[in-house]
Structure formats: C-alpha cells, structure tokens
C-alpha cells in the first residue's frame, strides 16, 4: 500500500519516496504535495510492520531489520534484498503504466533513503536519479559487484544534517565516497546542513544540482 499524490495533469514522471523507521508514507506524501510539480505523480509506500532488533524487538513499520547503527554493525542482508525487490516491483509497475523509467526518481529518508540507494543501484531500469536524505549505504562492502551498468551514470543527491545524532554525518561521508567509486563522481552531489539533526528542512526540499539549476524533490 502507498500514499499517493496524483499528478495535476497527465503524469509523465514519478517520484517514489520511502519513509524512515517507525513512520508511514502519509507524512512525506503531505510534504511532497506542498511542493509538487503538476506532471509528477508522487508515491510514498508504507513499510511492513516487523520487530526491530535496534528497538528492543518492538514491532513497527520497517523496511528491514536494523541490528545496530554502528559502522561495523551486522546487517539484515536477506531483509534488505527482499525490501529492494518490492521497490523494484513498484518501479516496474509505474513503467508498465506508461511512465518511462528514466522519468522516475527514487528517494527516501533515513532507513528509506538507505533502501532507495540500494534499490536504485541494483535496479535493471535506468532511473532519473536518487534523493538520499540522512542515510547510509547498506551492504556497501559487497554492493560494487551488484551495480547494474544501466545506472552507472545515475545522478545522486545526498543530504545530511551535521548535527544528526541518530545517523551520524560520518555515515553520509562514507556513503558519498563509496558512491563516487562506483558511479560517475561528477553526478554525485553531497550537501550538509549545519545545526540540522535527524530531520529534513525546506532547504533540503529545494535544492540545486551540480549544474546550478534549482530542483524540487
């Protein structure tokens, strides 16, 4: 299931945005509806409810299990790959409905941002790009062998708050280094925001790419 903000006119592009741990797609759908572009359809899927090791096995919306948020933490490889397949199926569904894959942006916040990066890098469709907010790159040590050639030139906008206590900025810096090693470095944009904790702000939503043009995500 997803919260969907339909296009005002005929949809010729789509944004698929994934929420963070314990959240749903409704909040991000509301935020995106305030900055939407008329020809873009915004899709904010809801994660399934599952026990999360990090939160004392409490059941909550989560794309995959998180054991710890340390740099060398064990990762839920099976859960990450399974979640990525569900996102890639959503991309395929939009392609079947008539939206070309190169007109689909994948994005997310925190755990959702992590999943958006992994899903995009392993997708068989050529995507318009990824917006990754306050997140990290899952399975980074084994991912380079899984990156599909069709997305080697994919633009990535990565944003991170410099005061983030939950996903520390070092995660963002390590992620951008890894992305530049796997993709075209000139297509990777990394922006940090002084004083911003584990959240988004208007400056994140209205952001400029490497070419200096303002884009609304």
C-alpha atoms as a PDB file:
ATOM      1  CA  UNK A   1       0.000   0.000   0.000  1.00  0.00           C
ATOM      2  CA  UNK A   2       1.096   3.559  -0.699  1.00  0.00           C
ATOM      3  CA  UNK A   3       0.069   7.124  -0.047  1.00  0.00           C
ATOM      4  CA  UNK A   4      -0.195   8.700  -3.492  1.00  0.00           C
ATOM      5  CA  UNK A   5      -0.231  12.344  -4.563  1.00  0.00           C
ATOM      6  CA  UNK A   6      -1.622  12.228  -8.107  1.00  0.00           C
ATOM      7  CA  UNK A   7      -0.348  14.482 -10.844  1.00  0.00           C
ATOM      8  CA  UNK A   8      -2.433  17.594 -11.520  1.00  0.00           C
ATOM      9  CA  UNK A   9      -2.328  16.853 -15.240  1.00  0.00           C
ATOM     10  CA  UNK A  10      -1.265  13.736 -17.153  1.00  0.00           C
ATOM     11  CA  UNK A  11       1.580  12.097 -15.243  1.00  0.00           C
ATOM     12  CA  UNK A  12       4.770  11.971 -17.305  1.00  0.00           C
ATOM     13  CA  UNK A  13       7.142  11.397 -14.367  1.00  0.00           C
ATOM     14  CA  UNK A  14       7.072   9.859 -10.910  1.00  0.00           C
ATOM     15  CA  UNK A  15       8.797  10.198  -7.562  1.00  0.00           C
ATOM     16  CA  UNK A  16       8.846   7.147  -5.291  1.00  0.00           C
ATOM     17  CA  UNK A  17       9.813   8.250  -1.772  1.00  0.00           C
ATOM     18  CA  UNK A  18      10.474   5.869   1.135  1.00  0.00           C
ATOM     19  CA  UNK A  19       9.870   6.894   4.751  1.00  0.00           C
ATOM     20  CA  UNK A  20      12.090   6.169   7.731  1.00  0.00           C
ATOM     21  CA  UNK A  21      11.878   3.632  10.561  1.00  0.00           C
ATOM     22  CA  UNK A  22       8.614   3.699  12.513  1.00  0.00           C
ATOM     23  CA  UNK A  23       6.931   6.102  10.093  1.00  0.00           C
ATOM     24  CA  UNK A  24       4.430   5.733   7.238  1.00  0.00           C
ATOM     25  CA  UNK A  25       4.204   7.261   3.795  1.00  0.00           C
ATOM     26  CA  UNK A  26       1.448   9.700   4.776  1.00  0.00           C
ATOM     27  CA  UNK A  27       3.689  12.401   6.267  1.00  0.00           C
ATOM     28  CA  UNK A  28       6.010  12.523   3.277  1.00  0.00           C
ATOM     29  CA  UNK A  29       3.067  12.491   0.862  1.00  0.00           C
ATOM     30  CA  UNK A  30       1.707  15.564   2.625  1.00  0.00           C
ATOM     31  CA  UNK A  31       5.102  17.288   2.468  1.00  0.00           C
ATOM     32  CA  UNK A  32       5.576  16.464  -1.203  1.00  0.00           C
ATOM     33  CA  UNK A  33       2.078  17.664  -2.078  1.00  0.00           C
ATOM     34  CA  UNK A  34       3.110  21.140  -0.887  1.00  0.00           C
ATOM     35  CA  UNK A  35       5.970  21.339  -3.399  1.00  0.00           C
ATOM     36  CA  UNK A  36       4.651  19.136  -6.169  1.00  0.00           C
ATOM     37  CA  UNK A  37       5.177  19.653  -9.884  1.00  0.00           C
ATOM     38  CA  UNK A  38       1.946  19.339 -11.958  1.00  0.00           C
ATOM     39  CA  UNK A  39       3.068  16.493 -14.249  1.00  0.00           C
ATOM     40  CA  UNK A  40       4.665  14.377 -11.478  1.00  0.00           C
ATOM     41  CA  UNK A  41       2.988  11.557  -9.568  1.00  0.00           C
ATOM     42  CA  UNK A  42       4.309  11.090  -6.004  1.00  0.00           C
ATOM     43  CA  UNK A  43       4.196   7.621  -4.469  1.00  0.00           C
ATOM     44  CA  UNK A  44       5.025   7.094  -0.778  1.00  0.00           C
ATOM     45  CA  UNK A  45       4.747   3.392   0.074  1.00  0.00           C
ATOM     46  CA  UNK A  46       4.252   2.112   3.616  1.00  0.00           C
ATOM     47  CA  UNK A  47       6.799  -0.312   5.087  1.00  0.00           C
ATOM     48  CA  UNK A  48       5.549  -3.568   6.606  1.00  0.00           C
ATOM     49  CA  UNK A  49       5.345  -3.891  10.390  1.00  0.00           C
ATOM     50  CA  UNK A  50       8.054  -6.113  11.878  1.00  0.00           C
ATOM     51  CA  UNK A  51      10.141  -6.496  15.062  1.00  0.00           C
ATOM     52  CA  UNK A  52      13.248  -4.298  15.014  1.00  0.00           C
ATOM     53  CA  UNK A  53      16.298  -5.505  16.924  1.00  0.00           C
ATOM     54  CA  UNK A  54      17.621  -1.959  17.428  1.00  0.00           C
ATOM     55  CA  UNK A  55      14.418  -1.008  19.279  1.00  0.00           C
ATOM     56  CA  UNK A  56      14.285  -3.988  21.661  1.00  0.00           C
ATOM     57  CA  UNK A  57      12.361  -6.084  19.113  1.00  0.00           C
ATOM     58  CA  UNK A  58       9.361  -3.764  19.204  1.00  0.00           C
ATOM     59  CA  UNK A  59       7.120  -4.161  16.166  1.00  0.00           C
ATOM     60  CA  UNK A  60       6.942  -1.078  13.953  1.00  0.00           C
ATOM     61  CA  UNK A  61       6.935  -0.082  10.281  1.00  0.00           C
ATOM     62  CA  UNK A  62      10.363  -1.025   8.965  1.00  0.00           C
ATOM     63  CA  UNK A  63      11.747  -1.843   5.535  1.00  0.00           C
ATOM     64  CA  UNK A  64      14.196  -4.349   7.042  1.00  0.00           C
ATOM     65  CA  UNK A  65      15.629  -5.222  10.442  1.00  0.00           C
ATOM     66  CA  UNK A  66      18.269  -2.911  11.932  1.00  0.00           C
ATOM     67  CA  UNK A  67      20.569  -4.637  14.387  1.00  0.00           C
ATOM     68  CA  UNK A  68      22.665  -1.578  15.253  1.00  0.00           C
ATOM     69  CA  UNK A  69      23.657   1.806  13.811  1.00  0.00           C
ATOM     70  CA  UNK A  70      27.387   1.399  14.363  1.00  0.00           C
ATOM     71  CA  UNK A  71      29.712   1.476  11.353  1.00  0.00           C
ATOM     72  CA  UNK A  72      30.611  -2.210  11.654  1.00  0.00           C
ATOM     73  CA  UNK A  73      27.118  -3.455  12.558  1.00  0.00           C
ATOM     74  CA  UNK A  74      25.740  -6.740  11.290  1.00  0.00           C
ATOM     75  CA  UNK A  75      23.187  -6.138   8.535  1.00  0.00           C
ATOM     76  CA  UNK A  76      19.927  -7.851   7.632  1.00  0.00           C
ATOM     77  CA  UNK A  77      21.107  -8.854   4.146  1.00  0.00           C
ATOM     78  CA  UNK A  78      18.083 -11.006   3.363  1.00  0.00           C
ATOM     79  CA  UNK A  79      15.652  -8.338   4.551  1.00  0.00           C
ATOM     80  CA  UNK A  80      17.411  -5.558   2.619  1.00  0.00           C
ATOM     81  CA  UNK A  81      17.393  -7.540  -0.614  1.00  0.00           C
ATOM     82  CA  UNK A  82      13.763  -8.575  -0.140  1.00  0.00           C
ATOM     83  CA  UNK A  83      12.707  -4.965   0.504  1.00  0.00           C
ATOM     84  CA  UNK A  84      14.655  -3.807  -2.560  1.00  0.00           C
ATOM     85  CA  UNK A  85      12.792  -6.298  -4.732  1.00  0.00           C
ATOM     86  CA  UNK A  86       9.472  -4.858  -3.554  1.00  0.00           C
ATOM     87  CA  UNK A  87      10.628  -1.339  -4.506  1.00  0.00           C
ATOM     88  CA  UNK A  88      11.873  -2.518  -7.889  1.00  0.00           C
ATOM     89  CA  UNK A  89       8.477  -4.148  -8.455  1.00  0.00           C
ATOM     90  CA  UNK A  90       6.884  -0.759  -7.740  1.00  0.00           C
ATOM     91  CA  UNK A  91       9.185   0.861 -10.311  1.00  0.00           C
ATOM     92  CA  UNK A  92       8.238  -1.812 -12.846  1.00  0.00           C
ATOM     93  CA  UNK A  93       4.565  -1.180 -12.139  1.00  0.00           C
ATOM     94  CA  UNK A  94       4.971   2.517 -12.970  1.00  0.00           C
ATOM     95  CA  UNK A  95       6.861   1.661 -16.164  1.00  0.00           C
ATOM     96  CA  UNK A  96       4.018  -0.658 -17.190  1.00  0.00           C
ATOM     97  CA  UNK A  97       1.551   2.173 -16.544  1.00  0.00           C
ATOM     98  CA  UNK A  98       3.363   4.313 -19.125  1.00  0.00           C
ATOM     99  CA  UNK A  99       5.978   6.326 -17.216  1.00  0.00           C
ATOM    100  CA  UNK A 100       9.477   5.720 -18.656  1.00  0.00           C
ATOM    101  CA  UNK A 101      11.999   4.571 -16.051  1.00  0.00           C
ATOM    102  CA  UNK A 102      14.303   7.477 -16.920  1.00  0.00           C
ATOM    103  CA  UNK A 103      11.490   9.740 -15.676  1.00  0.00           C
ATOM    104  CA  UNK A 104      11.310   8.049 -12.260  1.00  0.00           C
ATOM    105  CA  UNK A 105      13.189   9.427  -9.252  1.00  0.00           C
ATOM    106  CA  UNK A 106      13.690   7.173  -6.238  1.00  0.00           C
ATOM    107  CA  UNK A 107      14.239   8.776  -2.853  1.00  0.00           C
ATOM    108  CA  UNK A 108      13.961   8.302   0.860  1.00  0.00           C
ATOM    109  CA  UNK A 109      14.740   9.449   4.376  1.00  0.00           C
ATOM    110  CA  UNK A 110      16.918   7.569   6.898  1.00  0.00           C
ATOM    111  CA  UNK A 111      16.179   3.828   6.544  1.00  0.00           C
ATOM    112  CA  UNK A 112      14.093   4.671   3.479  1.00  0.00           C
ATOM    113  CA  UNK A 113      16.999   6.607   1.983  1.00  0.00           C
ATOM    114  CA  UNK A 114      19.275   3.638   2.574  1.00  0.00           C
ATOM    115  CA  UNK A 115      16.830   1.349   0.788  1.00  0.00           C
ATOM    116  CA  UNK A 116      16.387   3.822  -2.078  1.00  0.00           C
ATOM    117  CA  UNK A 117      20.144   3.826  -2.712  1.00  0.00           C
ATOM    118  CA  UNK A 118      20.444   0.048  -2.629  1.00  0.00           C
ATOM    119  CA  UNK A 119      17.347  -0.460  -4.790  1.00  0.00           C
ATOM    120  CA  UNK A 120      18.457   2.056  -7.409  1.00  0.00           C
ATOM    121  CA  UNK A 121      21.990   0.707  -7.641  1.00  0.00           C
ATOM    122  CA  UNK A 122      20.743  -2.834  -8.211  1.00  0.00           C
ATOM    123  CA  UNK A 123      17.768  -1.971 -10.443  1.00  0.00           C
ATOM    124  CA  UNK A 124      17.553  -3.175 -14.018  1.00  0.00           C
ATOM    125  CA  UNK A 125      15.763   0.006 -15.085  1.00  0.00           C
ATOM    126  CA  UNK A 126      17.627   3.217 -15.907  1.00  0.00           C
ATOM    127  CA  UNK A 127      16.372   5.757 -13.365  1.00  0.00           C
ATOM    128  CA  UNK A 128      16.297   9.560 -13.410  1.00  0.00           C
ATOM    129  CA  UNK A 129      18.181   9.691 -10.128  1.00  0.00           C
ATOM    130  CA  UNK A 130      18.128   9.196  -6.359  1.00  0.00           C
ATOM    131  CA  UNK A 131      17.496  11.608  -3.483  1.00  0.00           C
ATOM    132  CA  UNK A 132      19.015  10.152  -0.300  1.00  0.00           C
ATOM    133  CA  UNK A 133      18.355  12.057   2.932  1.00  0.00           C
ATOM    134  CA  UNK A 134      20.102  11.418   6.278  1.00  0.00           C
ATOM    135  CA  UNK A 135      21.004   7.846   5.437  1.00  0.00           C
ATOM    136  CA  UNK A 136      23.707   5.310   4.693  1.00  0.00           C
ATOM    137  CA  UNK A 137      24.547   2.747   2.007  1.00  0.00           C
ATOM    138  CA  UNK A 138      23.504  -0.791   3.009  1.00  0.00           C
ATOM    139  CA  UNK A 139      25.687  -3.806   2.231  1.00  0.00           C
ATOM    140  CA  UNK A 140      28.338  -1.419   0.945  1.00  0.00           C
ATOM    141  CA  UNK A 141      31.175  -3.950   1.099  1.00  0.00           C
ATOM    142  CA  UNK A 142      29.506  -6.320  -1.360  1.00  0.00           C
ATOM    143  CA  UNK A 143      27.456  -3.866  -3.402  1.00  0.00           C
ATOM    144  CA  UNK A 144      30.011  -2.942  -6.065  1.00  0.00           C
ATOM    145  CA  UNK A 145      29.559  -6.321  -7.767  1.00  0.00           C
ATOM    146  CA  UNK A 146      25.772  -5.810  -7.923  1.00  0.00           C
ATOM    147  CA  UNK A 147      25.607  -2.349  -9.500  1.00  0.00           C
ATOM    148  CA  UNK A 148      23.826  -2.510 -12.834  1.00  0.00           C
ATOM    149  CA  UNK A 149      25.625  -0.895 -15.756  1.00  0.00           C
ATOM    150  CA  UNK A 150      22.478   0.987 -16.794  1.00  0.00           C
ATOM    151  CA  UNK A 151      22.745   3.162 -13.669  1.00  0.00           C
ATOM    152  CA  UNK A 152      26.480   3.892 -13.671  1.00  0.00           C
ATOM    153  CA  UNK A 153      25.673   7.470 -14.787  1.00  0.00           C
ATOM    154  CA  UNK A 154      22.756   7.935 -12.379  1.00  0.00           C
ATOM    155  CA  UNK A 155      22.632  11.312 -10.587  1.00  0.00           C
ATOM    156  CA  UNK A 156      22.503  11.123  -6.790  1.00  0.00           C
ATOM    157  CA  UNK A 157      21.627  13.968  -4.430  1.00  0.00           C
ATOM    158  CA  UNK A 158      22.653  13.101  -0.886  1.00  0.00           C
ATOM    159  CA  UNK A 159      21.802  15.405   2.045  1.00  0.00           C
ATOM    160  CA  UNK A 160      22.767  15.083   5.703  1.00  0.00           C
ATOM    161  CA  UNK A 161      22.356  17.180   8.839  1.00  0.00           C
ATOM    162  CA  UNK A 162      25.672  17.994  10.533  1.00  0.00           C
ATOM    163  CA  UNK A 163      24.035  17.607  13.972  1.00  0.00           C
ATOM    164  CA  UNK A 164      22.385  14.232  13.254  1.00  0.00           C
ATOM    165  CA  UNK A 165      22.716  12.113  16.447  1.00  0.00           C
ATOM    166  CA  UNK A 166      20.971   9.011  15.071  1.00  0.00           C
ATOM    167  CA  UNK A 167      22.718   8.561  11.721  1.00  0.00           C
ATOM    168  CA  UNK A 168      25.960  10.494  12.320  1.00  0.00           C
ATOM    169  CA  UNK A 169      27.402  12.571   9.449  1.00  0.00           C
ATOM    170  CA  UNK A 170      30.285  10.081   9.048  1.00  0.00           C
ATOM    171  CA  UNK A 171      27.725   7.691   7.522  1.00  0.00           C
ATOM    172  CA  UNK A 172      26.951  10.280   4.865  1.00  0.00           C
ATOM    173  CA  UNK A 173      30.609  10.975   4.136  1.00  0.00           C
ATOM    174  CA  UNK A 174      31.463   7.269   3.816  1.00  0.00           C
ATOM    175  CA  UNK A 175      28.431   6.746   1.588  1.00  0.00           C
ATOM    176  CA  UNK A 176      29.366   9.523  -0.827  1.00  0.00           C
ATOM    177  CA  UNK A 177      32.942   8.193  -1.053  1.00  0.00           C
ATOM    178  CA  UNK A 178      31.620   4.741  -1.943  1.00  0.00           C
ATOM    179  CA  UNK A 179      29.143   6.140  -4.466  1.00  0.00           C
ATOM    180  CA  UNK A 180      31.874   8.138  -6.205  1.00  0.00           C
ATOM    181  CA  UNK A 181      33.922   4.959  -6.508  1.00  0.00           C
ATOM    182  CA  UNK A 182      31.032   3.037  -8.105  1.00  0.00           C
ATOM    183  CA  UNK A 183      29.338   5.735 -10.192  1.00  0.00           C
ATOM    184  CA  UNK A 184      30.369   8.785 -12.222  1.00  0.00           C
ATOM    185  CA  UNK A 185      31.699  11.117  -9.474  1.00  0.00           C
ATOM    186  CA  UNK A 186      30.530  14.223 -11.331  1.00  0.00           C
ATOM    187  CA  UNK A 187      26.933  13.044 -10.929  1.00  0.00           C
ATOM    188  CA  UNK A 188      27.133  12.793  -7.110  1.00  0.00           C
ATOM    189  CA  UNK A 189      26.048  15.825  -5.074  1.00  0.00           C
ATOM    190  CA  UNK A 190      26.548  15.821  -1.291  1.00  0.00           C
ATOM    191  CA  UNK A 191      25.080  18.617   0.804  1.00  0.00           C
ATOM    192  CA  UNK A 192      25.369  19.069   4.572  1.00  0.00           C
ATOM    193  CA  UNK A 193      23.296  21.359   6.757  1.00  0.00           C
ATOM    194  CA  UNK A 194      24.783  22.987   9.905  1.00  0.00           C
ATOM    195  CA  UNK A 195      22.661  22.515  13.020  1.00  0.00           C
ATOM    196  CA  UNK A 196      20.237  20.106  11.354  1.00  0.00           C
ATOM    197  CA  UNK A 197      19.526  16.963  13.381  1.00  0.00           C
ATOM    198  CA  UNK A 198      17.854  13.778  12.095  1.00  0.00           C
ATOM    199  CA  UNK A 199      15.198  15.569  10.065  1.00  0.00           C
ATOM    200  CA  UNK A 200      14.584  17.470   6.843  1.00  0.00           C
ATOM    201  CA  UNK A 201      14.209  21.194   6.261  1.00  0.00           C
ATOM    202  CA  UNK A 202      12.945  23.431   3.419  1.00  0.00           C
ATOM    203  CA  UNK A 203      16.489  23.879   2.107  1.00  0.00           C
ATOM    204  CA  UNK A 204      16.712  20.110   1.571  1.00  0.00           C
ATOM    205  CA  UNK A 205      13.487  20.015  -0.449  1.00  0.00           C
ATOM    206  CA  UNK A 206      14.502  22.953  -2.647  1.00  0.00           C
ATOM    207  CA  UNK A 207      17.995  22.005  -3.705  1.00  0.00           C
ATOM    208  CA  UNK A 208      20.381  22.835  -6.520  1.00  0.00           C
ATOM    209  CA  UNK A 209      22.171  20.276  -8.599  1.00  0.00           C
ATOM    210  CA  UNK A 210      25.732  20.430  -9.866  1.00  0.00           C
ATOM    211  CA  UNK A 211      24.550  22.437 -12.877  1.00  0.00           C
ATOM    212  CA  UNK A 212      23.214  25.214 -10.628  1.00  0.00           C
ATOM    213  CA  UNK A 213      19.557  24.672 -11.542  1.00  0.00           C
ATOM    214  CA  UNK A 214      17.073  24.528  -8.692  1.00  0.00           C
ATOM    215  CA  UNK A 215      15.125  21.318  -8.436  1.00  0.00           C
ATOM    216  CA  UNK A 216      12.162  20.456  -6.265  1.00  0.00           C
ATOM    217  CA  UNK A 217      12.201  16.946  -4.813  1.00  0.00           C
END
